[in-house]
N, C-alpha and C. Protein backbone atom coordinates (compact mmCIF):
# COMPACT_ATOMS: atom_id res chain seq x y z
N UNK A 1 87.81 -65.77 -69.76
CA UNK A 1 86.52 -65.53 -70.39
C UNK A 1 86.31 -64.02 -70.49
N UNK A 2 85.89 -63.55 -71.65
CA UNK A 2 85.69 -62.12 -71.87
C UNK A 2 84.31 -61.68 -71.39
N UNK A 3 84.14 -60.37 -71.26
CA UNK A 3 82.84 -59.84 -70.83
C UNK A 3 81.78 -60.09 -71.89
N UNK A 4 82.17 -60.13 -73.17
CA UNK A 4 81.21 -60.44 -74.24
C UNK A 4 80.73 -61.89 -74.13
N UNK A 5 81.65 -62.79 -73.80
CA UNK A 5 81.27 -64.21 -73.66
C UNK A 5 80.35 -64.41 -72.48
N UNK A 6 80.64 -63.75 -71.35
CA UNK A 6 79.77 -63.92 -70.18
C UNK A 6 78.42 -63.29 -70.44
N UNK A 7 78.39 -62.20 -71.19
CA UNK A 7 77.11 -61.57 -71.54
C UNK A 7 76.26 -62.54 -72.35
N UNK A 8 76.88 -63.23 -73.30
CA UNK A 8 76.16 -64.23 -74.10
C UNK A 8 75.66 -65.36 -73.22
N UNK A 9 76.49 -65.81 -72.28
CA UNK A 9 76.09 -66.88 -71.35
C UNK A 9 74.87 -66.44 -70.54
N UNK A 10 74.89 -65.22 -70.01
CA UNK A 10 73.77 -64.73 -69.20
C UNK A 10 72.50 -64.61 -70.04
N UNK A 11 72.62 -64.05 -71.24
CA UNK A 11 71.45 -63.91 -72.11
C UNK A 11 70.86 -65.26 -72.46
N UNK A 12 71.71 -66.22 -72.77
CA UNK A 12 71.25 -67.57 -73.11
C UNK A 12 70.57 -68.23 -71.91
N UNK A 13 71.14 -68.04 -70.75
CA UNK A 13 70.58 -68.64 -69.53
C UNK A 13 69.21 -68.07 -69.21
N UNK A 14 69.04 -66.77 -69.42
CA UNK A 14 67.79 -66.11 -69.04
C UNK A 14 66.73 -66.12 -70.14
N UNK A 15 67.07 -66.60 -71.31
CA UNK A 15 66.16 -66.52 -72.46
C UNK A 15 64.92 -67.39 -72.31
N UNK A 16 65.08 -68.65 -72.01
CA UNK A 16 63.95 -69.58 -72.01
C UNK A 16 63.91 -70.38 -70.70
N UNK A 17 62.96 -70.08 -69.82
CA UNK A 17 62.89 -70.78 -68.54
C UNK A 17 62.79 -72.31 -68.68
N UNK A 18 62.11 -72.78 -69.71
CA UNK A 18 61.93 -74.23 -69.88
C UNK A 18 63.25 -74.96 -70.12
N UNK A 19 64.27 -74.25 -70.58
CA UNK A 19 65.55 -74.88 -70.88
C UNK A 19 66.58 -74.73 -69.76
N UNK A 20 66.17 -74.14 -68.65
CA UNK A 20 67.11 -73.88 -67.56
C UNK A 20 67.80 -75.14 -67.05
N UNK A 21 67.05 -76.22 -66.92
CA UNK A 21 67.66 -77.42 -66.34
C UNK A 21 68.83 -77.92 -67.18
N UNK A 22 68.79 -77.67 -68.50
CA UNK A 22 69.88 -78.10 -69.36
C UNK A 22 71.05 -77.12 -69.36
N UNK A 23 70.78 -75.85 -69.15
CA UNK A 23 71.79 -74.81 -69.26
C UNK A 23 72.43 -74.42 -67.93
N UNK A 24 71.73 -74.63 -66.85
CA UNK A 24 72.15 -74.10 -65.56
C UNK A 24 73.53 -74.58 -65.09
N UNK A 25 73.82 -75.88 -65.09
CA UNK A 25 75.13 -76.30 -64.57
C UNK A 25 76.32 -75.66 -65.29
N UNK A 26 76.30 -75.69 -66.61
CA UNK A 26 77.41 -75.12 -67.38
C UNK A 26 77.50 -73.61 -67.17
N UNK A 27 76.37 -72.93 -67.22
CA UNK A 27 76.36 -71.48 -67.07
C UNK A 27 76.87 -71.06 -65.69
N UNK A 28 76.45 -71.77 -64.65
CA UNK A 28 76.92 -71.42 -63.30
C UNK A 28 78.43 -71.63 -63.18
N UNK A 29 78.94 -72.66 -63.83
CA UNK A 29 80.39 -72.87 -63.84
C UNK A 29 81.12 -71.71 -64.51
N UNK A 30 80.59 -71.26 -65.65
CA UNK A 30 81.21 -70.13 -66.35
C UNK A 30 81.13 -68.85 -65.53
N UNK A 31 79.99 -68.64 -64.88
CA UNK A 31 79.83 -67.45 -64.04
C UNK A 31 80.81 -67.51 -62.87
N UNK A 32 80.97 -68.68 -62.27
CA UNK A 32 81.92 -68.83 -61.17
C UNK A 32 83.35 -68.56 -61.61
N UNK A 33 83.70 -69.02 -62.79
CA UNK A 33 85.05 -68.78 -63.32
C UNK A 33 85.27 -67.30 -63.61
N UNK A 34 84.28 -66.65 -64.18
CA UNK A 34 84.38 -65.22 -64.52
C UNK A 34 84.39 -64.37 -63.25
N UNK A 35 83.59 -64.80 -62.26
CA UNK A 35 83.49 -64.07 -60.99
C UNK A 35 82.13 -63.43 -60.84
N UNK A 36 81.39 -63.85 -59.84
CA UNK A 36 80.03 -63.32 -59.65
C UNK A 36 80.06 -61.83 -59.34
N UNK A 37 81.10 -61.36 -58.67
CA UNK A 37 81.22 -59.92 -58.40
C UNK A 37 81.28 -59.11 -59.68
N UNK A 38 82.09 -59.59 -60.65
CA UNK A 38 82.20 -58.89 -61.93
C UNK A 38 80.88 -58.97 -62.70
N UNK A 39 80.22 -60.14 -62.65
CA UNK A 39 78.92 -60.28 -63.31
C UNK A 39 77.94 -59.25 -62.76
N UNK A 40 77.90 -59.11 -61.44
CA UNK A 40 76.94 -58.20 -60.82
C UNK A 40 77.34 -56.74 -61.01
N UNK A 41 78.61 -56.45 -61.16
CA UNK A 41 79.02 -55.08 -61.48
C UNK A 41 78.46 -54.68 -62.84
N UNK A 42 78.45 -55.62 -63.77
CA UNK A 42 77.96 -55.35 -65.13
C UNK A 42 76.46 -55.54 -65.27
N UNK A 43 75.88 -56.41 -64.45
CA UNK A 43 74.45 -56.75 -64.51
C UNK A 43 73.91 -56.84 -63.08
N UNK A 44 73.67 -55.71 -62.41
CA UNK A 44 73.33 -55.73 -60.98
C UNK A 44 72.09 -56.54 -60.62
N UNK A 45 71.17 -56.70 -61.56
CA UNK A 45 69.93 -57.43 -61.26
C UNK A 45 69.95 -58.88 -61.76
N UNK A 46 71.13 -59.37 -62.16
CA UNK A 46 71.20 -60.72 -62.73
C UNK A 46 70.63 -61.79 -61.81
N UNK A 47 71.01 -61.79 -60.54
CA UNK A 47 70.55 -62.85 -59.64
C UNK A 47 69.03 -62.81 -59.46
N UNK A 48 68.46 -61.63 -59.39
CA UNK A 48 67.00 -61.51 -59.29
C UNK A 48 66.35 -62.07 -60.56
N UNK A 49 66.89 -61.72 -61.71
CA UNK A 49 66.34 -62.22 -62.97
C UNK A 49 66.46 -63.74 -63.06
N UNK A 50 67.58 -64.29 -62.58
CA UNK A 50 67.77 -65.74 -62.60
C UNK A 50 66.77 -66.43 -61.67
N UNK A 51 66.61 -65.92 -60.46
CA UNK A 51 65.66 -66.53 -59.53
C UNK A 51 64.23 -66.42 -60.07
N UNK A 52 63.91 -65.32 -60.72
CA UNK A 52 62.59 -65.16 -61.33
C UNK A 52 62.38 -66.20 -62.43
N UNK A 53 63.39 -66.40 -63.26
CA UNK A 53 63.29 -67.41 -64.32
C UNK A 53 63.15 -68.81 -63.72
N UNK A 54 63.88 -69.07 -62.65
CA UNK A 54 63.76 -70.37 -61.99
C UNK A 54 62.34 -70.59 -61.47
N UNK A 55 61.73 -69.56 -60.93
CA UNK A 55 60.35 -69.68 -60.47
C UNK A 55 59.42 -70.02 -61.63
N UNK A 56 59.63 -69.36 -62.77
CA UNK A 56 58.81 -69.64 -63.96
C UNK A 56 59.00 -71.06 -64.46
N UNK A 57 60.21 -71.58 -64.30
CA UNK A 57 60.54 -72.92 -64.80
C UNK A 57 60.21 -74.02 -63.81
N UNK A 58 59.60 -73.69 -62.68
CA UNK A 58 59.37 -74.64 -61.58
C UNK A 58 60.71 -75.06 -60.98
N UNK A 59 61.24 -74.17 -60.15
CA UNK A 59 62.58 -74.35 -59.57
C UNK A 59 62.76 -75.70 -58.89
N UNK A 60 61.74 -76.19 -58.21
CA UNK A 60 61.87 -77.48 -57.52
C UNK A 60 62.17 -78.59 -58.53
N UNK A 61 61.51 -78.56 -59.67
CA UNK A 61 61.74 -79.58 -60.70
C UNK A 61 63.13 -79.42 -61.31
N UNK A 62 63.54 -78.17 -61.57
CA UNK A 62 64.87 -77.91 -62.12
C UNK A 62 65.93 -78.43 -61.15
N UNK A 63 65.80 -78.08 -59.87
CA UNK A 63 66.80 -78.49 -58.88
C UNK A 63 66.81 -80.00 -58.67
N UNK A 64 65.66 -80.65 -58.78
CA UNK A 64 65.62 -82.10 -58.66
C UNK A 64 66.37 -82.74 -59.83
N UNK A 65 66.29 -82.11 -60.99
CA UNK A 65 66.95 -82.63 -62.20
C UNK A 65 68.46 -82.39 -62.18
N UNK A 66 68.87 -81.24 -61.66
CA UNK A 66 70.30 -80.88 -61.63
C UNK A 66 70.69 -80.45 -60.21
N UNK A 67 70.63 -81.39 -59.29
CA UNK A 67 70.86 -81.06 -57.88
C UNK A 67 72.25 -80.48 -57.63
N UNK A 68 73.25 -80.87 -58.42
CA UNK A 68 74.59 -80.32 -58.21
C UNK A 68 74.62 -78.82 -58.49
N UNK A 69 73.76 -78.36 -59.38
CA UNK A 69 73.70 -76.93 -59.69
C UNK A 69 73.07 -76.15 -58.54
N UNK A 70 72.27 -76.80 -57.73
CA UNK A 70 71.62 -76.14 -56.60
C UNK A 70 72.66 -75.61 -55.63
N UNK A 71 73.66 -76.42 -55.32
CA UNK A 71 74.72 -76.00 -54.39
C UNK A 71 75.56 -74.88 -54.99
N UNK A 72 75.86 -75.00 -56.26
CA UNK A 72 76.66 -73.97 -56.94
C UNK A 72 75.90 -72.64 -56.97
N UNK A 73 74.60 -72.71 -57.26
CA UNK A 73 73.77 -71.51 -57.28
C UNK A 73 73.74 -70.86 -55.90
N UNK A 74 73.56 -71.66 -54.85
CA UNK A 74 73.51 -71.12 -53.49
C UNK A 74 74.82 -70.42 -53.14
N UNK A 75 75.94 -71.04 -53.50
CA UNK A 75 77.23 -70.42 -53.21
C UNK A 75 77.40 -69.11 -53.98
N UNK A 76 77.05 -69.11 -55.26
CA UNK A 76 77.16 -67.88 -56.06
C UNK A 76 76.20 -66.80 -55.56
N UNK A 77 75.00 -67.21 -55.16
CA UNK A 77 74.01 -66.28 -54.63
C UNK A 77 74.58 -65.52 -53.43
N UNK A 78 75.15 -66.26 -52.47
CA UNK A 78 75.64 -65.61 -51.25
C UNK A 78 76.96 -64.88 -51.49
N UNK A 79 77.78 -65.35 -52.41
CA UNK A 79 78.98 -64.58 -52.78
C UNK A 79 78.56 -63.25 -53.40
N UNK A 80 77.55 -63.31 -54.24
CA UNK A 80 77.04 -62.09 -54.87
C UNK A 80 76.44 -61.13 -53.87
N UNK A 81 75.65 -61.65 -52.96
CA UNK A 81 75.04 -60.80 -51.92
C UNK A 81 76.13 -60.16 -51.07
N UNK A 82 77.13 -60.94 -50.69
CA UNK A 82 78.23 -60.40 -49.86
C UNK A 82 78.98 -59.30 -50.61
N UNK A 83 79.22 -59.51 -51.91
CA UNK A 83 79.96 -58.49 -52.66
C UNK A 83 79.12 -57.23 -52.84
N UNK A 84 77.83 -57.37 -53.08
CA UNK A 84 76.95 -56.21 -53.26
C UNK A 84 76.67 -55.51 -51.93
N UNK A 85 76.68 -56.24 -50.82
CA UNK A 85 76.41 -55.64 -49.51
C UNK A 85 77.43 -54.56 -49.19
N UNK A 86 78.67 -54.78 -49.59
CA UNK A 86 79.72 -53.80 -49.34
C UNK A 86 79.55 -52.53 -50.16
N UNK A 87 78.69 -52.57 -51.16
CA UNK A 87 78.45 -51.40 -52.02
C UNK A 87 77.16 -50.68 -51.67
N UNK A 88 76.44 -51.19 -50.68
CA UNK A 88 75.14 -50.62 -50.31
C UNK A 88 75.25 -49.97 -48.93
N UNK A 89 75.06 -48.67 -48.91
CA UNK A 89 75.15 -47.95 -47.65
C UNK A 89 74.08 -48.41 -46.66
N UNK A 90 72.86 -48.65 -47.16
CA UNK A 90 71.78 -49.05 -46.25
C UNK A 90 72.03 -50.45 -45.68
N UNK A 91 72.57 -51.36 -46.50
CA UNK A 91 72.88 -52.71 -46.00
C UNK A 91 74.04 -52.64 -45.02
N UNK A 92 75.08 -51.91 -45.35
CA UNK A 92 76.22 -51.80 -44.43
C UNK A 92 75.79 -51.23 -43.09
N UNK A 93 74.96 -50.21 -43.12
CA UNK A 93 74.46 -49.60 -41.89
C UNK A 93 73.66 -50.61 -41.06
N UNK A 94 72.79 -51.34 -41.73
CA UNK A 94 71.97 -52.35 -41.05
C UNK A 94 72.84 -53.44 -40.42
N UNK A 95 73.85 -53.90 -41.16
CA UNK A 95 74.73 -54.96 -40.65
C UNK A 95 75.56 -54.47 -39.47
N UNK A 96 76.00 -53.23 -39.54
CA UNK A 96 76.81 -52.66 -38.44
C UNK A 96 75.98 -52.49 -37.17
N UNK A 97 74.68 -52.27 -37.32
CA UNK A 97 73.79 -52.07 -36.18
C UNK A 97 73.39 -53.37 -35.48
N UNK A 98 73.67 -54.51 -36.13
CA UNK A 98 73.28 -55.80 -35.52
C UNK A 98 73.97 -55.93 -34.17
N UNK A 99 73.16 -56.08 -33.13
CA UNK A 99 73.73 -56.11 -31.78
C UNK A 99 74.40 -57.43 -31.44
N UNK A 100 74.21 -58.43 -32.28
CA UNK A 100 74.89 -59.72 -32.09
C UNK A 100 74.92 -60.47 -33.41
N UNK A 101 75.69 -61.55 -33.45
CA UNK A 101 75.77 -62.38 -34.65
C UNK A 101 74.40 -62.99 -34.93
N UNK A 102 74.10 -63.17 -36.21
CA UNK A 102 72.84 -63.76 -36.63
C UNK A 102 73.15 -64.88 -37.61
N UNK A 103 72.52 -66.04 -37.40
CA UNK A 103 72.72 -67.20 -38.28
C UNK A 103 71.36 -67.75 -38.70
N UNK A 104 71.15 -67.79 -40.02
CA UNK A 104 69.84 -68.14 -40.57
C UNK A 104 69.99 -69.25 -41.61
N UNK A 105 69.14 -70.25 -41.52
CA UNK A 105 69.05 -71.32 -42.52
C UNK A 105 67.83 -71.09 -43.40
N UNK A 106 67.94 -71.48 -44.66
CA UNK A 106 66.84 -71.42 -45.61
C UNK A 106 66.75 -72.81 -46.25
N UNK A 107 65.59 -73.45 -46.12
CA UNK A 107 65.47 -74.85 -46.54
C UNK A 107 64.18 -75.09 -47.30
N UNK A 108 64.32 -75.61 -48.52
CA UNK A 108 63.15 -75.96 -49.33
C UNK A 108 62.60 -77.31 -48.91
N UNK A 109 61.29 -77.41 -48.95
CA UNK A 109 60.63 -78.66 -48.58
C UNK A 109 60.44 -79.59 -49.78
N UNK A 110 60.63 -79.07 -50.99
CA UNK A 110 60.33 -79.86 -52.19
C UNK A 110 61.51 -79.99 -53.16
N UNK A 111 62.69 -79.60 -52.72
CA UNK A 111 63.87 -79.69 -53.60
C UNK A 111 65.13 -79.70 -52.73
N UNK A 112 66.30 -79.92 -53.35
CA UNK A 112 67.53 -79.91 -52.57
C UNK A 112 68.06 -78.50 -52.27
N UNK A 113 67.27 -77.45 -52.52
CA UNK A 113 67.71 -76.08 -52.26
C UNK A 113 67.81 -75.84 -50.75
N UNK A 114 69.03 -75.66 -50.30
CA UNK A 114 69.32 -75.36 -48.89
C UNK A 114 70.49 -74.40 -48.86
N UNK A 115 70.34 -73.35 -48.06
CA UNK A 115 71.45 -72.42 -47.91
C UNK A 115 71.36 -71.75 -46.55
N UNK A 116 72.33 -70.94 -46.26
CA UNK A 116 72.37 -70.25 -44.98
C UNK A 116 73.07 -68.92 -45.18
N UNK A 117 72.84 -68.02 -44.20
CA UNK A 117 73.64 -66.81 -44.16
C UNK A 117 73.93 -66.44 -42.72
N UNK A 118 75.00 -65.70 -42.56
CA UNK A 118 75.44 -65.26 -41.23
C UNK A 118 75.78 -63.78 -41.29
N UNK A 119 75.41 -63.09 -40.24
CA UNK A 119 75.82 -61.70 -40.06
C UNK A 119 76.77 -61.69 -38.88
N UNK A 120 77.98 -61.21 -39.14
CA UNK A 120 79.00 -61.21 -38.09
C UNK A 120 79.93 -60.03 -38.33
N UNK A 121 80.12 -59.23 -37.30
CA UNK A 121 81.05 -58.08 -37.34
C UNK A 121 80.78 -57.17 -38.53
N UNK A 122 79.51 -56.88 -38.79
CA UNK A 122 79.15 -55.95 -39.84
C UNK A 122 79.23 -56.49 -41.26
N UNK A 123 79.39 -57.80 -41.40
CA UNK A 123 79.49 -58.44 -42.73
C UNK A 123 78.43 -59.52 -42.84
N UNK A 124 78.02 -59.78 -44.08
CA UNK A 124 77.12 -60.90 -44.34
C UNK A 124 77.84 -61.90 -45.23
N UNK A 125 77.76 -63.16 -44.86
CA UNK A 125 78.32 -64.25 -45.65
C UNK A 125 77.29 -65.36 -45.70
N UNK A 126 77.49 -66.30 -46.58
CA UNK A 126 76.56 -67.42 -46.66
C UNK A 126 77.04 -68.42 -47.68
N UNK A 127 76.24 -69.45 -47.87
CA UNK A 127 76.61 -70.47 -48.83
C UNK A 127 75.58 -71.58 -48.87
N UNK A 128 75.94 -72.63 -49.58
CA UNK A 128 75.04 -73.78 -49.70
C UNK A 128 75.07 -74.59 -48.41
N UNK A 129 74.07 -75.42 -48.27
CA UNK A 129 73.98 -76.27 -47.09
C UNK A 129 73.40 -75.53 -45.90
N UNK A 130 73.16 -76.28 -44.86
CA UNK A 130 72.56 -75.72 -43.65
C UNK A 130 73.57 -75.68 -42.52
N UNK A 131 73.44 -74.69 -41.67
CA UNK A 131 74.21 -74.66 -40.43
C UNK A 131 73.62 -75.71 -39.49
N UNK A 132 74.41 -76.21 -38.59
CA UNK A 132 73.89 -77.17 -37.61
C UNK A 132 72.73 -76.51 -36.87
N UNK A 133 71.67 -77.27 -36.62
CA UNK A 133 70.47 -76.69 -36.02
C UNK A 133 70.75 -76.02 -34.67
N UNK A 134 71.76 -76.46 -33.95
CA UNK A 134 72.10 -75.83 -32.67
C UNK A 134 72.69 -74.44 -32.87
N UNK A 135 73.24 -74.20 -34.06
CA UNK A 135 73.88 -72.92 -34.34
C UNK A 135 72.94 -71.91 -34.98
N UNK A 136 71.79 -72.37 -35.48
CA UNK A 136 70.90 -71.43 -36.17
C UNK A 136 70.09 -70.62 -35.16
N UNK A 137 69.87 -69.36 -35.53
CA UNK A 137 68.99 -68.50 -34.74
C UNK A 137 67.59 -68.50 -35.32
N UNK A 138 67.52 -68.67 -36.64
CA UNK A 138 66.24 -68.58 -37.33
C UNK A 138 66.30 -69.44 -38.58
N UNK A 139 65.13 -69.94 -39.00
CA UNK A 139 65.07 -70.78 -40.20
C UNK A 139 63.81 -70.43 -40.98
N UNK A 140 64.00 -70.30 -42.30
CA UNK A 140 62.87 -70.19 -43.22
C UNK A 140 62.74 -71.52 -43.93
N UNK A 141 61.50 -72.02 -44.03
CA UNK A 141 61.23 -73.29 -44.70
C UNK A 141 60.00 -73.13 -45.57
N UNK A 142 59.97 -73.90 -46.65
CA UNK A 142 58.79 -73.87 -47.50
C UNK A 142 59.12 -74.37 -48.88
N UNK A 143 58.13 -74.34 -49.78
CA UNK A 143 58.39 -74.74 -51.16
C UNK A 143 59.45 -73.84 -51.80
N UNK A 144 60.17 -74.38 -52.74
CA UNK A 144 61.25 -73.65 -53.40
C UNK A 144 60.75 -72.33 -53.98
N UNK A 145 59.63 -72.36 -54.65
CA UNK A 145 59.09 -71.14 -55.27
C UNK A 145 58.82 -70.06 -54.22
N UNK A 146 58.32 -70.45 -53.07
CA UNK A 146 58.05 -69.50 -51.99
C UNK A 146 59.35 -68.89 -51.48
N UNK A 147 60.39 -69.71 -51.33
CA UNK A 147 61.69 -69.21 -50.84
C UNK A 147 62.33 -68.28 -51.86
N UNK A 148 62.18 -68.58 -53.15
CA UNK A 148 62.69 -67.68 -54.19
C UNK A 148 61.97 -66.33 -54.08
N UNK A 149 60.67 -66.38 -53.87
CA UNK A 149 59.90 -65.14 -53.68
C UNK A 149 60.36 -64.37 -52.46
N UNK A 150 60.69 -65.07 -51.40
CA UNK A 150 61.21 -64.43 -50.19
C UNK A 150 62.52 -63.71 -50.50
N UNK A 151 63.43 -64.38 -51.20
CA UNK A 151 64.74 -63.80 -51.49
C UNK A 151 64.66 -62.57 -52.38
N UNK A 152 63.76 -62.57 -53.35
CA UNK A 152 63.69 -61.43 -54.27
C UNK A 152 62.67 -60.38 -53.84
N UNK A 153 62.07 -60.58 -52.68
CA UNK A 153 61.17 -59.55 -52.14
C UNK A 153 59.76 -59.59 -52.65
N UNK A 154 59.35 -60.66 -53.31
CA UNK A 154 57.98 -60.79 -53.80
C UNK A 154 57.05 -61.36 -52.74
N UNK A 155 57.59 -61.73 -51.61
CA UNK A 155 56.80 -62.35 -50.56
C UNK A 155 56.88 -61.48 -49.31
N UNK A 156 55.79 -60.88 -48.92
CA UNK A 156 55.84 -60.07 -47.71
C UNK A 156 56.14 -60.94 -46.49
N UNK A 157 56.96 -60.42 -45.61
CA UNK A 157 57.26 -61.15 -44.38
C UNK A 157 56.09 -60.97 -43.42
N UNK A 158 55.82 -61.99 -42.68
CA UNK A 158 54.70 -61.95 -41.75
C UNK A 158 53.85 -63.19 -41.93
N UNK A 159 52.59 -63.06 -41.69
CA UNK A 159 51.71 -64.22 -41.72
C UNK A 159 50.85 -64.26 -42.98
N UNK A 160 51.23 -63.53 -44.03
CA UNK A 160 50.40 -63.46 -45.22
C UNK A 160 50.55 -64.67 -46.13
N UNK A 161 51.60 -65.45 -45.99
CA UNK A 161 51.79 -66.62 -46.82
C UNK A 161 51.99 -67.84 -45.93
N UNK A 162 50.99 -68.67 -45.91
CA UNK A 162 51.05 -69.84 -45.03
C UNK A 162 51.99 -70.92 -45.52
N UNK A 163 52.51 -70.79 -46.76
CA UNK A 163 53.48 -71.76 -47.24
C UNK A 163 54.87 -71.49 -46.67
N UNK A 164 55.12 -70.27 -46.23
CA UNK A 164 56.40 -69.94 -45.63
C UNK A 164 56.33 -70.25 -44.14
N UNK A 165 57.21 -71.14 -43.71
CA UNK A 165 57.25 -71.49 -42.30
C UNK A 165 58.55 -70.97 -41.71
N UNK A 166 58.52 -70.70 -40.42
CA UNK A 166 59.72 -70.22 -39.75
C UNK A 166 59.93 -71.03 -38.48
N UNK A 167 61.18 -71.07 -38.05
CA UNK A 167 61.52 -71.68 -36.78
C UNK A 167 62.50 -70.75 -36.09
N UNK A 168 62.31 -70.58 -34.84
CA UNK A 168 63.14 -69.67 -34.07
C UNK A 168 62.25 -68.73 -33.29
N UNK A 169 62.82 -68.10 -32.32
CA UNK A 169 62.07 -67.16 -31.49
C UNK A 169 61.51 -66.03 -32.34
N UNK A 170 60.25 -65.67 -32.11
CA UNK A 170 59.61 -64.64 -32.92
C UNK A 170 60.32 -63.29 -32.83
N UNK A 171 61.05 -63.06 -31.76
CA UNK A 171 61.80 -61.82 -31.63
C UNK A 171 62.91 -61.68 -32.67
N UNK A 172 63.34 -62.81 -33.22
CA UNK A 172 64.38 -62.77 -34.25
C UNK A 172 63.89 -62.13 -35.54
N UNK A 173 62.58 -62.19 -35.77
CA UNK A 173 62.06 -61.63 -37.02
C UNK A 173 62.33 -60.14 -37.11
N UNK A 174 62.36 -59.45 -35.98
CA UNK A 174 62.65 -58.01 -36.02
C UNK A 174 64.10 -57.74 -36.44
N UNK A 175 64.98 -58.72 -36.30
CA UNK A 175 66.37 -58.59 -36.73
C UNK A 175 66.56 -59.12 -38.16
N UNK A 176 65.92 -60.25 -38.45
CA UNK A 176 66.10 -60.91 -39.73
C UNK A 176 65.28 -60.24 -40.84
N UNK A 177 64.09 -59.78 -40.53
CA UNK A 177 63.20 -59.16 -41.52
C UNK A 177 63.85 -58.02 -42.29
N UNK A 178 64.42 -57.02 -41.60
CA UNK A 178 65.06 -55.93 -42.34
C UNK A 178 66.23 -56.40 -43.21
N UNK A 179 66.96 -57.41 -42.76
CA UNK A 179 68.06 -57.94 -43.56
C UNK A 179 67.51 -58.60 -44.83
N UNK A 180 66.43 -59.35 -44.70
CA UNK A 180 65.82 -59.99 -45.88
C UNK A 180 65.34 -58.93 -46.88
N UNK A 181 64.77 -57.84 -46.38
CA UNK A 181 64.33 -56.77 -47.29
C UNK A 181 65.52 -56.15 -48.02
N UNK A 182 66.63 -55.97 -47.32
CA UNK A 182 67.82 -55.41 -47.96
C UNK A 182 68.43 -56.40 -48.95
N UNK A 183 68.38 -57.69 -48.64
CA UNK A 183 68.87 -58.71 -49.57
C UNK A 183 68.07 -58.62 -50.86
N UNK A 184 66.76 -58.49 -50.77
CA UNK A 184 65.91 -58.37 -51.97
C UNK A 184 66.31 -57.15 -52.78
N UNK A 185 66.58 -56.03 -52.13
CA UNK A 185 67.01 -54.83 -52.86
C UNK A 185 68.33 -55.07 -53.58
N UNK A 186 69.27 -55.73 -52.89
CA UNK A 186 70.56 -56.03 -53.52
C UNK A 186 70.36 -56.92 -54.75
N UNK A 187 69.52 -57.94 -54.61
CA UNK A 187 69.31 -58.86 -55.72
C UNK A 187 68.65 -58.16 -56.92
N UNK A 188 67.84 -57.16 -56.63
CA UNK A 188 67.18 -56.40 -57.71
C UNK A 188 68.10 -55.36 -58.32
N UNK A 189 69.31 -55.23 -57.78
CA UNK A 189 70.26 -54.29 -58.34
C UNK A 189 70.16 -52.90 -57.78
N UNK A 190 69.38 -52.73 -56.72
CA UNK A 190 69.24 -51.39 -56.09
C UNK A 190 70.34 -51.11 -55.10
């Protein structure tokens, strides 16, 4: 697939939020084939724009309609974050300073959107699905739209949004919060 073809795929995907449920599975497959790292090298804010469009389209409804795309999106999201993290000095510094491994689950209450991320040895990885609850250090839960806002940095961390729920020792927020802020910066292409 050429860069011109992937550009057309991205433009088509981001054009009309109402049509996302019909376009998402095929487009995510093409993006996966082309390589999310290459997509983000050419369009650093693509994932943020996609999550924003999903919010406009009612992500929970889209994911309920095309649940198989939810897992593919989660995998591409975390592959993209991992590839961009290596290019961000502030993220690399933050990950290297982590005094221990961190494992976080993110779970929507109104759709099949579930993913996780791990910080280990100065690297961040993640994917679709949840880690076993015994292995998680922290969990974010809430409506899909709220979780999308969390990922792209539109949702302040803390007690300002009662739709966002957390599980885990409150001390973990001092470790997870800065990572979430850096993830939002990466997704925005910064």
